[in-house]
Amino acid sequence: MSELTPLDKAEAAVRDATANTDIVRIVAAVLATQQATQQQPHQCEHHTPQQQFDAKKWWTIGGLAIVGGCVACALALAFALAATAIATCATCATACLIVLRSMWRDYAKGK
């Protein structure tokens, strides 16, 4: 057998390195493809950290809602009473006018 010359050894090393480089490129391409196809879990960035529960704030909101409801109820009752009073006055005025008209007719006829 003939011994390999240093030039032959260098050529063999270059061939091995080239083959290894191709394998490394293929592996890198496969890994990049896998990373691209994997779905990353969606992380919301707009969430703010949890705040402490503030009972005073909710008592205030509830109290204001109750007071607002009471005010609205009182206004509704006042409107209903005013509407009833107006209707009663209109009815009385109509009856009074009918009686006065009847009296005027009697007076005009000379009775």
C-alpha atoms as a PDB file:
ATOM      1  CA  MET A   1       0.000   0.000   0.000  1.00  0.00           C
ATOM      2  CA  SER A   2       1.084   3.386  -0.733  1.00  0.00           C
ATOM      3  CA  GLU A   3       1.337   5.901   1.954  1.00  0.00           C
ATOM      4  CA  LEU A   4      -0.762   9.001   1.698  1.00  0.00           C
ATOM      5  CA  THR A   5       1.098  12.147   0.997  1.00  0.00           C
ATOM      6  CA  PRO A   6       0.433  15.262   3.001  1.00  0.00           C
ATOM      7  CA  LEU A   7      -1.364  16.673  -0.025  1.00  0.00           C
ATOM      8  CA  ASP A   8      -3.719  13.662  -0.116  1.00  0.00           C
ATOM      9  CA  LYS A   9      -4.343  13.975   3.605  1.00  0.00           C
ATOM     10  CA  ALA A  10      -5.192  17.659   3.182  1.00  0.00           C
ATOM     11  CA  GLU A  11      -7.578  16.857   0.316  1.00  0.00           C
ATOM     12  CA  ALA A  12      -9.305  14.192   2.416  1.00  0.00           C
ATOM     13  CA  ALA A  13      -9.611  16.646   5.308  1.00  0.00           C
ATOM     14  CA  VAL A  14     -11.126  19.243   2.975  1.00  0.00           C
ATOM     15  CA  ARG A  15     -13.639  16.675   1.657  1.00  0.00           C
ATOM     16  CA  ASP A  16     -14.618  15.744   5.232  1.00  0.00           C
ATOM     17  CA  ALA A  17     -14.941  19.392   6.224  1.00  0.00           C
ATOM     18  CA  THR A  18     -17.075  20.096   3.154  1.00  0.00           C
ATOM     19  CA  ALA A  19     -19.330  17.137   3.925  1.00  0.00           C
ATOM     20  CA  ASN A  20     -19.577  18.220   7.553  1.00  0.00           C
ATOM     21  CA  THR A  21     -20.380  21.799   6.514  1.00  0.00           C
ATOM     22  CA  ASP A  22     -23.225  20.546   4.290  1.00  0.00           C
ATOM     23  CA  ILE A  23     -24.576  18.448   7.159  1.00  0.00           C
ATOM     24  CA  VAL A  24     -24.352  21.412   9.519  1.00  0.00           C
ATOM     25  CA  ARG A  25     -26.210  23.580   7.000  1.00  0.00           C
ATOM     26  CA  ILE A  26     -28.920  20.939   6.586  1.00  0.00           C
ATOM     27  CA  VAL A  27     -29.328  20.583  10.349  1.00  0.00           C
ATOM     28  CA  ALA A  28     -29.478  24.370  10.751  1.00  0.00           C
ATOM     29  CA  ALA A  29     -32.148  24.586   8.043  1.00  0.00           C
ATOM     30  CA  VAL A  30     -34.206  21.833   9.693  1.00  0.00           C
ATOM     31  CA  LEU A  31     -33.967  23.549  13.081  1.00  0.00           C
ATOM     32  CA  ALA A  32     -34.958  26.908  11.585  1.00  0.00           C
ATOM     33  CA  THR A  33     -37.947  25.287   9.875  1.00  0.00           C
ATOM     34  CA  GLN A  34     -39.051  23.658  13.116  1.00  0.00           C
ATOM     35  CA  GLN A  35     -38.795  26.925  14.984  1.00  0.00           C
ATOM     36  CA  ALA A  36     -40.783  28.729  12.304  1.00  0.00           C
ATOM     37  CA  THR A  37     -43.578  26.131  12.304  1.00  0.00           C
ATOM     38  CA  GLN A  38     -43.914  25.919  16.074  1.00  0.00           C
ATOM     39  CA  GLN A  39     -46.612  28.216  17.404  1.00  0.00           C
ATOM     40  CA  GLN A  40     -45.470  30.396  20.214  1.00  0.00           C
ATOM     41  CA  PRO A  41     -47.999  30.789  23.041  1.00  0.00           C
ATOM     42  CA  HIS A  42     -49.721  34.144  22.785  1.00  0.00           C
ATOM     43  CA  GLN A  43     -48.878  36.380  25.691  1.00  0.00           C
ATOM     44  CA  CYS A  44     -51.030  39.418  26.229  1.00  0.00           C
ATOM     45  CA  GLU A  45     -48.936  42.440  26.999  1.00  0.00           C
ATOM     46  CA  HIS A  46     -51.815  44.795  27.721  1.00  0.00           C
ATOM     47  CA  HIS A  47     -52.833  43.244  31.035  1.00  0.00           C
ATOM     48  CA  THR A  48     -52.041  45.287  34.077  1.00  0.00           C
ATOM     49  CA  PRO A  49     -50.984  43.635  37.293  1.00  0.00           C
ATOM     50  CA  GLN A  50     -53.743  42.683  39.729  1.00  0.00           C
ATOM     51  CA  GLN A  51     -54.722  45.498  42.051  1.00  0.00           C
ATOM     52  CA  GLN A  52     -55.710  45.071  45.654  1.00  0.00           C
ATOM     53  CA  PHE A  53     -59.448  44.906  46.381  1.00  0.00           C
ATOM     54  CA  ASP A  54     -60.628  48.278  47.660  1.00  0.00           C
ATOM     55  CA  ALA A  55     -63.834  47.902  49.683  1.00  0.00           C
ATOM     56  CA  LYS A  56     -64.126  51.656  50.280  1.00  0.00           C
ATOM     57  CA  LYS A  57     -64.334  52.307  46.537  1.00  0.00           C
ATOM     58  CA  TRP A  58     -67.151  49.768  46.095  1.00  0.00           C
ATOM     59  CA  TRP A  59     -69.063  51.080  49.151  1.00  0.00           C
ATOM     60  CA  THR A  60     -68.820  54.556  47.644  1.00  0.00           C
ATOM     61  CA  ILE A  61     -70.061  53.380  44.249  1.00  0.00           C
ATOM     62  CA  GLY A  62     -72.924  51.436  45.843  1.00  0.00           C
ATOM     63  CA  GLY A  63     -73.903  54.367  48.047  1.00  0.00           C
ATOM     64  CA  LEU A  64     -73.925  56.766  45.120  1.00  0.00           C
ATOM     65  CA  ALA A  65     -76.052  54.331  43.114  1.00  0.00           C
ATOM     66  CA  ILE A  66     -78.574  54.086  45.959  1.00  0.00           C
ATOM     67  CA  VAL A  67     -78.708  57.871  46.418  1.00  0.00           C
ATOM     68  CA  GLY A  68     -79.071  58.356  42.655  1.00  0.00           C
ATOM     69  CA  GLY A  69     -81.896  55.815  42.585  1.00  0.00           C
ATOM     70  CA  CYS A  70     -83.674  57.564  45.465  1.00  0.00           C
ATOM     71  CA  VAL A  71     -83.356  60.956  43.754  1.00  0.00           C
ATOM     72  CA  ALA A  72     -84.725  59.524  40.495  1.00  0.00           C
ATOM     73  CA  CYS A  73     -87.628  57.915  42.384  1.00  0.00           C
ATOM     74  CA  ALA A  74     -88.438  61.185  44.167  1.00  0.00           C
ATOM     75  CA  LEU A  75     -88.413  63.078  40.862  1.00  0.00           C
ATOM     76  CA  ALA A  76     -90.691  60.478  39.286  1.00  0.00           C
ATOM     77  CA  LEU A  77     -93.127  60.759  42.216  1.00  0.00           C
ATOM     78  CA  ALA A  78     -93.097  64.568  41.992  1.00  0.00           C
ATOM     79  CA  PHE A  79     -93.815  64.393  38.256  1.00  0.00           C
ATOM     80  CA  ALA A  80     -96.660  61.928  38.839  1.00  0.00           C
ATOM     81  CA  LEU A  81     -98.218  64.155  41.539  1.00  0.00           C
ATOM     82  CA  ALA A  82     -97.908  67.228  39.313  1.00  0.00           C
ATOM     83  CA  ALA A  83     -99.536  65.399  36.414  1.00  0.00           C
ATOM     84  CA  THR A  84    -102.388  64.242  38.693  1.00  0.00           C
ATOM     85  CA  ALA A  85    -102.884  67.782  39.991  1.00  0.00           C
ATOM     86  CA  ILE A  86    -103.004  69.184  36.455  1.00  0.00           C
ATOM     87  CA  ALA A  87    -105.522  66.553  35.392  1.00  0.00           C
ATOM     88  CA  THR A  88    -107.709  67.254  38.431  1.00  0.00           C
ATOM     89  CA  CYS A  89    -107.614  71.019  37.776  1.00  0.00           C
ATOM     90  CA  ALA A  90    -108.496  70.499  34.120  1.00  0.00           C
ATOM     91  CA  THR A  91    -111.469  68.322  35.059  1.00  0.00           C
ATOM     92  CA  CYS A  92    -112.739  70.859  37.605  1.00  0.00           C
ATOM     93  CA  ALA A  93    -112.315  73.721  35.155  1.00  0.00           C
ATOM     94  CA  THR A  94    -114.242  71.832  32.479  1.00  0.00           C
ATOM     95  CA  ALA A  95    -117.118  71.091  34.870  1.00  0.00           C
ATOM     96  CA  CYS A  96    -117.196  74.697  36.030  1.00  0.00           C
ATOM     97  CA  LEU A  97    -117.302  75.978  32.467  1.00  0.00           C
ATOM     98  CA  ILE A  98    -120.160  73.612  31.587  1.00  0.00           C
ATOM     99  CA  VAL A  99    -122.178  74.826  34.580  1.00  0.00           C
ATOM    100  CA  LEU A 100    -121.445  78.480  33.780  1.00  0.00           C
ATOM    101  CA  ARG A 101    -122.454  77.983  30.129  1.00  0.00           C
ATOM    102  CA  SER A 102    -125.705  76.395  31.221  1.00  0.00           C
ATOM    103  CA  MET A 103    -126.361  79.312  33.591  1.00  0.00           C
ATOM    104  CA  TRP A 104    -125.547  81.839  30.829  1.00  0.00           C
ATOM    105  CA  ARG A 105    -127.996  80.166  28.437  1.00  0.00           C
ATOM    106  CA  ASP A 106    -130.718  80.276  31.078  1.00  0.00           C
ATOM    107  CA  TYR A 107    -129.990  83.955  31.752  1.00  0.00           C
ATOM    108  CA  ALA A 108    -129.980  84.755  28.023  1.00  0.00           C
ATOM    109  CA  LYS A 109    -133.375  83.077  27.550  1.00  0.00           C
ATOM    110  CA  GLY A 110    -134.764  85.143  30.375  1.00  0.00           C
ATOM    111  CA  LYS A 111    -135.619  82.399  32.763  1.00  0.00           C
END
